[in-house]
Amino acid sequence: MPNQDRIHGTQAARRLPLREHRLRARVSLEEIMAETKISRRFLEAIEDGRYEELPGGVFAVSYIRQYAAMTGYDAESILDHYRRRCEPEAEIKPVRRQPPPRGVRFFQSA
């Protein structure tokens, strides 16, 4: 049976060391909760890299920025990690222009 860590990567490789950084900075989740009004489950989701549990769009980005500000972690590196994991890459489809139907003429008005 193949090693699951080799297939999926280790948990440490899939998440940033946010909790460890917060603990070194001596900031508790309770302090972040009191200052930002972000619930514990969302803060824990950010720390664990479980971004799919965050509310969508601007709320997730705002929560990540507030967490980073409180812990001193670089917000852009967390947001890059979030975007790589959660935002689907836009599929670029070539636009095929079709000629106008036969028999239709376009006139230019004066």
N, C-alpha and C. Protein backbone atom coordinates (compact mmCIF):
# COMPACT_ATOMS: atom_id res chain seq x y z
N MET A 1 0.84 -1.19 0.00
CA MET A 1 0.00 0.00 0.00
C MET A 1 0.89 1.24 0.00
N PRO A 2 0.62 2.24 -0.88
CA PRO A 2 1.47 3.42 -0.95
C PRO A 2 1.37 4.28 0.30
N ASN A 3 2.43 4.96 0.59
CA ASN A 3 2.48 5.85 1.73
C ASN A 3 1.60 7.08 1.45
N GLN A 4 0.60 7.33 2.30
CA GLN A 4 -0.34 8.43 2.08
C GLN A 4 0.36 9.78 2.17
N ASP A 5 1.39 9.91 3.04
CA ASP A 5 2.12 11.17 3.13
C ASP A 5 2.83 11.49 1.83
N ARG A 6 3.32 10.47 1.16
CA ARG A 6 4.02 10.69 -0.10
C ARG A 6 3.05 11.14 -1.18
N ILE A 7 1.83 10.62 -1.16
CA ILE A 7 0.83 10.97 -2.16
C ILE A 7 0.27 12.37 -1.89
N HIS A 8 -0.13 12.62 -0.68
CA HIS A 8 -0.83 13.87 -0.35
C HIS A 8 0.07 14.93 0.28
N GLY A 9 1.29 14.61 0.60
CA GLY A 9 2.16 15.55 1.29
C GLY A 9 1.87 15.51 2.78
N THR A 10 2.80 15.94 3.57
CA THR A 10 2.58 15.93 5.01
C THR A 10 1.72 17.11 5.41
N GLN A 11 1.12 17.02 6.57
CA GLN A 11 0.29 18.12 7.08
C GLN A 11 1.13 19.38 7.21
N ALA A 12 2.37 19.22 7.66
CA ALA A 12 3.23 20.39 7.82
C ALA A 12 3.52 21.06 6.49
N ALA A 13 3.63 20.28 5.43
CA ALA A 13 3.93 20.86 4.12
C ALA A 13 2.71 21.59 3.55
N ARG A 14 1.52 21.22 4.00
CA ARG A 14 0.30 21.83 3.45
C ARG A 14 -0.14 23.07 4.20
N ARG A 15 0.46 23.36 5.32
CA ARG A 15 0.04 24.55 6.06
C ARG A 15 1.25 25.37 6.48
N LEU A 16 0.99 26.62 6.77
CA LEU A 16 2.04 27.51 7.23
C LEU A 16 2.20 27.37 8.73
N PRO A 17 3.35 27.72 9.29
CA PRO A 17 3.56 27.58 10.75
C PRO A 17 2.95 28.73 11.55
N LEU A 18 1.68 28.97 11.33
CA LEU A 18 1.03 30.14 11.95
C LEU A 18 0.87 29.99 13.45
N ARG A 19 0.41 28.83 13.89
CA ARG A 19 0.21 28.63 15.34
C ARG A 19 1.54 28.79 16.08
N GLU A 20 2.58 28.19 15.54
CA GLU A 20 3.89 28.27 16.17
C GLU A 20 4.37 29.72 16.25
N HIS A 21 4.16 30.47 15.18
CA HIS A 21 4.55 31.88 15.16
C HIS A 21 3.74 32.67 16.21
N ARG A 22 2.43 32.41 16.27
CA ARG A 22 1.58 33.11 17.24
C ARG A 22 2.03 32.82 18.67
N LEU A 23 2.36 31.55 18.95
CA LEU A 23 2.80 31.19 20.30
C LEU A 23 4.14 31.85 20.63
N ARG A 24 5.06 31.92 19.67
CA ARG A 24 6.34 32.60 19.90
C ARG A 24 6.11 34.10 20.14
N ALA A 25 5.10 34.66 19.48
CA ALA A 25 4.78 36.08 19.67
C ALA A 25 4.00 36.32 20.97
N ARG A 26 3.63 35.23 21.64
CA ARG A 26 2.89 35.29 22.90
C ARG A 26 1.56 36.02 22.76
N VAL A 27 0.84 35.62 21.71
CA VAL A 27 -0.50 36.16 21.48
C VAL A 27 -1.46 34.98 21.57
N SER A 28 -2.48 35.10 22.40
CA SER A 28 -3.44 34.01 22.55
C SER A 28 -4.59 34.18 21.56
N LEU A 29 -5.26 33.08 21.29
CA LEU A 29 -6.44 33.16 20.43
C LEU A 29 -7.51 34.04 21.07
N GLU A 30 -7.58 34.00 22.39
CA GLU A 30 -8.57 34.83 23.09
C GLU A 30 -8.31 36.31 22.85
N GLU A 31 -7.03 36.71 22.84
CA GLU A 31 -6.70 38.11 22.57
C GLU A 31 -7.12 38.50 21.15
N ILE A 32 -6.84 37.62 20.20
CA ILE A 32 -7.22 37.90 18.81
C ILE A 32 -8.74 37.97 18.68
N MET A 33 -9.44 37.04 19.36
CA MET A 33 -10.90 37.02 19.32
C MET A 33 -11.46 38.32 19.90
N ALA A 34 -10.92 38.77 21.02
CA ALA A 34 -11.43 39.98 21.67
C ALA A 34 -11.19 41.22 20.81
N GLU A 35 -10.04 41.28 20.17
CA GLU A 35 -9.69 42.46 19.37
C GLU A 35 -10.40 42.49 18.02
N THR A 36 -10.53 41.32 17.38
CA THR A 36 -11.04 41.29 16.00
C THR A 36 -12.50 40.86 15.88
N LYS A 37 -13.01 40.23 16.93
CA LYS A 37 -14.38 39.67 16.91
C LYS A 37 -14.52 38.50 15.93
N ILE A 38 -13.40 37.87 15.59
CA ILE A 38 -13.42 36.68 14.73
C ILE A 38 -13.56 35.47 15.64
N SER A 39 -14.44 34.55 15.27
CA SER A 39 -14.69 33.38 16.12
C SER A 39 -13.47 32.45 16.16
N ARG A 40 -13.39 31.70 17.25
CA ARG A 40 -12.29 30.76 17.45
C ARG A 40 -12.20 29.76 16.30
N ARG A 41 -13.33 29.26 15.82
CA ARG A 41 -13.26 28.23 14.77
C ARG A 41 -12.66 28.78 13.49
N PHE A 42 -12.90 30.06 13.18
CA PHE A 42 -12.28 30.65 11.98
C PHE A 42 -10.79 30.89 12.20
N LEU A 43 -10.41 31.32 13.40
CA LEU A 43 -8.99 31.51 13.69
C LEU A 43 -8.24 30.19 13.62
N GLU A 44 -8.83 29.14 14.18
CA GLU A 44 -8.20 27.83 14.12
C GLU A 44 -8.13 27.31 12.68
N ALA A 45 -9.14 27.61 11.89
CA ALA A 45 -9.13 27.21 10.48
C ALA A 45 -7.99 27.91 9.74
N ILE A 46 -7.76 29.18 10.03
CA ILE A 46 -6.65 29.91 9.40
C ILE A 46 -5.33 29.26 9.79
N GLU A 47 -5.16 29.00 11.08
CA GLU A 47 -3.90 28.41 11.55
C GLU A 47 -3.65 27.03 10.96
N ASP A 48 -4.70 26.27 10.77
CA ASP A 48 -4.55 24.90 10.26
C ASP A 48 -4.58 24.81 8.74
N GLY A 49 -4.78 25.96 8.06
CA GLY A 49 -4.83 25.94 6.61
C GLY A 49 -6.12 25.36 6.06
N ARG A 50 -7.17 25.35 6.89
CA ARG A 50 -8.48 24.85 6.44
C ARG A 50 -9.32 26.02 5.95
N TYR A 51 -8.85 26.65 4.89
CA TYR A 51 -9.47 27.87 4.38
C TYR A 51 -10.88 27.65 3.87
N GLU A 52 -11.19 26.43 3.47
CA GLU A 52 -12.54 26.15 2.97
C GLU A 52 -13.59 26.34 4.05
N GLU A 53 -13.19 26.38 5.32
CA GLU A 53 -14.13 26.59 6.42
C GLU A 53 -14.40 28.08 6.70
N LEU A 54 -13.64 28.95 6.06
CA LEU A 54 -13.84 30.38 6.25
C LEU A 54 -15.01 30.86 5.39
N PRO A 55 -15.65 31.95 5.82
CA PRO A 55 -16.67 32.53 4.93
C PRO A 55 -15.97 33.02 3.66
N GLY A 56 -16.69 33.10 2.60
CA GLY A 56 -16.07 33.39 1.31
C GLY A 56 -15.69 34.84 1.08
N GLY A 57 -15.00 35.04 -0.03
CA GLY A 57 -14.69 36.36 -0.56
C GLY A 57 -13.91 37.26 0.35
N VAL A 58 -14.39 38.49 0.45
CA VAL A 58 -13.68 39.53 1.20
C VAL A 58 -13.60 39.22 2.69
N PHE A 59 -14.53 38.43 3.21
CA PHE A 59 -14.49 38.09 4.64
C PHE A 59 -13.25 37.26 4.94
N ALA A 60 -12.96 36.26 4.13
CA ALA A 60 -11.78 35.41 4.35
C ALA A 60 -10.51 36.25 4.28
N VAL A 61 -10.42 37.10 3.29
CA VAL A 61 -9.23 37.95 3.13
C VAL A 61 -9.09 38.88 4.34
N SER A 62 -10.20 39.45 4.78
CA SER A 62 -10.17 40.35 5.94
C SER A 62 -9.75 39.60 7.20
N TYR A 63 -10.29 38.42 7.42
CA TYR A 63 -9.92 37.62 8.60
C TYR A 63 -8.44 37.30 8.58
N ILE A 64 -7.93 36.93 7.43
CA ILE A 64 -6.51 36.58 7.32
C ILE A 64 -5.65 37.81 7.59
N ARG A 65 -6.02 38.96 7.05
CA ARG A 65 -5.26 40.18 7.29
C ARG A 65 -5.27 40.57 8.78
N GLN A 66 -6.43 40.46 9.42
CA GLN A 66 -6.52 40.80 10.84
C GLN A 66 -5.70 39.84 11.69
N TYR A 67 -5.76 38.55 11.36
CA TYR A 67 -4.96 37.55 12.08
C TYR A 67 -3.48 37.90 11.96
N ALA A 68 -3.05 38.20 10.73
CA ALA A 68 -1.64 38.52 10.49
C ALA A 68 -1.22 39.77 11.28
N ALA A 69 -2.07 40.79 11.29
CA ALA A 69 -1.75 42.02 12.01
C ALA A 69 -1.58 41.75 13.51
N MET A 70 -2.41 40.89 14.05
CA MET A 70 -2.35 40.60 15.49
C MET A 70 -1.14 39.74 15.86
N THR A 71 -0.68 38.90 14.94
CA THR A 71 0.41 37.98 15.26
C THR A 71 1.76 38.42 14.73
N GLY A 72 1.76 39.43 13.85
CA GLY A 72 3.01 39.88 13.28
C GLY A 72 3.50 39.04 12.11
N TYR A 73 2.65 38.16 11.61
CA TYR A 73 3.01 37.32 10.47
C TYR A 73 2.73 38.12 9.19
N ASP A 74 3.48 37.85 8.14
CA ASP A 74 3.30 38.54 6.87
C ASP A 74 1.97 38.14 6.23
N ALA A 75 1.07 39.10 6.11
CA ALA A 75 -0.27 38.83 5.58
C ALA A 75 -0.21 38.33 4.15
N GLU A 76 0.69 38.87 3.34
CA GLU A 76 0.75 38.47 1.93
C GLU A 76 1.14 37.01 1.76
N SER A 77 2.01 36.49 2.63
CA SER A 77 2.37 35.07 2.48
C SER A 77 1.20 34.17 2.86
N ILE A 78 0.40 34.56 3.85
CA ILE A 78 -0.79 33.78 4.19
C ILE A 78 -1.79 33.87 3.04
N LEU A 79 -1.99 35.07 2.51
CA LEU A 79 -2.94 35.25 1.41
C LEU A 79 -2.50 34.51 0.15
N ASP A 80 -1.20 34.46 -0.13
CA ASP A 80 -0.72 33.68 -1.27
C ASP A 80 -1.06 32.20 -1.08
N HIS A 81 -0.82 31.70 0.14
CA HIS A 81 -1.15 30.31 0.47
C HIS A 81 -2.64 30.07 0.30
N TYR A 82 -3.45 30.98 0.81
CA TYR A 82 -4.92 30.89 0.69
C TYR A 82 -5.34 30.85 -0.78
N ARG A 83 -4.79 31.76 -1.57
CA ARG A 83 -5.18 31.84 -2.99
C ARG A 83 -4.77 30.59 -3.76
N ARG A 84 -3.58 30.08 -3.49
CA ARG A 84 -3.14 28.86 -4.17
C ARG A 84 -4.03 27.68 -3.84
N ARG A 85 -4.54 27.63 -2.62
CA ARG A 85 -5.34 26.49 -2.20
C ARG A 85 -6.82 26.64 -2.50
N CYS A 86 -7.32 27.88 -2.55
CA CYS A 86 -8.78 28.05 -2.62
C CYS A 86 -9.31 28.70 -3.88
N GLU A 87 -8.54 29.54 -4.49
CA GLU A 87 -9.06 30.23 -5.66
C GLU A 87 -8.72 29.43 -6.91
N PRO A 88 -9.73 28.97 -7.61
CA PRO A 88 -9.45 28.20 -8.83
C PRO A 88 -8.80 29.10 -9.88
N GLU A 89 -7.87 28.49 -10.60
CA GLU A 89 -7.24 29.25 -11.67
C GLU A 89 -8.26 29.45 -12.78
N ALA A 90 -8.30 30.65 -13.26
CA ALA A 90 -9.26 30.96 -14.31
C ALA A 90 -8.85 30.22 -15.58
N GLU A 91 -9.81 29.54 -16.14
CA GLU A 91 -9.55 28.84 -17.38
C GLU A 91 -9.74 29.83 -18.52
N ILE A 92 -8.70 29.97 -19.29
CA ILE A 92 -8.76 30.92 -20.40
C ILE A 92 -9.19 30.17 -21.64
N LYS A 93 -10.30 30.60 -22.17
CA LYS A 93 -10.82 29.98 -23.39
C LYS A 93 -10.66 30.97 -24.53
N PRO A 94 -10.17 30.51 -25.65
CA PRO A 94 -10.04 31.43 -26.78
C PRO A 94 -11.42 31.84 -27.28
N VAL A 95 -11.52 33.09 -27.67
CA VAL A 95 -12.78 33.60 -28.20
C VAL A 95 -12.77 33.38 -29.70
N ARG A 96 -13.78 32.69 -30.16
CA ARG A 96 -13.89 32.42 -31.58
C ARG A 96 -14.92 33.37 -32.17
N ARG A 97 -14.44 34.21 -33.02
CA ARG A 97 -15.36 35.16 -33.65
C ARG A 97 -16.02 34.47 -34.83
N GLN A 98 -17.30 34.62 -34.89
CA GLN A 98 -18.05 34.04 -35.99
C GLN A 98 -18.43 35.14 -36.96
N PRO A 99 -18.36 34.83 -38.26
CA PRO A 99 -18.76 35.84 -39.24
C PRO A 99 -20.27 36.08 -39.14
N PRO A 100 -20.73 37.26 -39.55
CA PRO A 100 -22.18 37.52 -39.50
C PRO A 100 -22.90 36.57 -40.45
N PRO A 101 -24.15 36.28 -40.16
CA PRO A 101 -24.90 35.37 -41.02
C PRO A 101 -24.96 35.90 -42.45
N ARG A 102 -25.00 34.98 -43.40
CA ARG A 102 -25.06 35.37 -44.81
C ARG A 102 -26.36 36.13 -45.09
N GLY A 103 -26.27 37.07 -45.99
CA GLY A 103 -27.44 37.83 -46.38
C GLY A 103 -27.71 39.02 -45.49
N VAL A 104 -26.98 39.16 -44.39
CA VAL A 104 -27.17 40.30 -43.49
C VAL A 104 -26.11 41.33 -43.84
N ARG A 105 -26.55 42.53 -44.10
CA ARG A 105 -25.62 43.62 -44.43
C ARG A 105 -25.70 44.67 -43.33
N PHE A 106 -24.56 45.21 -43.05
CA PHE A 106 -24.51 46.26 -42.06
C PHE A 106 -24.27 47.58 -42.78
N PHE A 107 -25.08 48.54 -42.45
CA PHE A 107 -24.97 49.84 -43.09
C PHE A 107 -24.46 50.85 -42.08
N GLN A 108 -23.70 51.75 -42.56
CA GLN A 108 -23.17 52.80 -41.72
C GLN A 108 -24.05 54.02 -41.91
N SER A 109 -24.52 54.57 -40.80
CA SER A 109 -25.36 55.76 -40.90
C SER A 109 -24.51 57.00 -40.99
N ALA A 110 -25.03 58.00 -41.64
CA ALA A 110 -24.26 59.22 -41.85
C ALA A 110 -24.46 60.20 -40.74
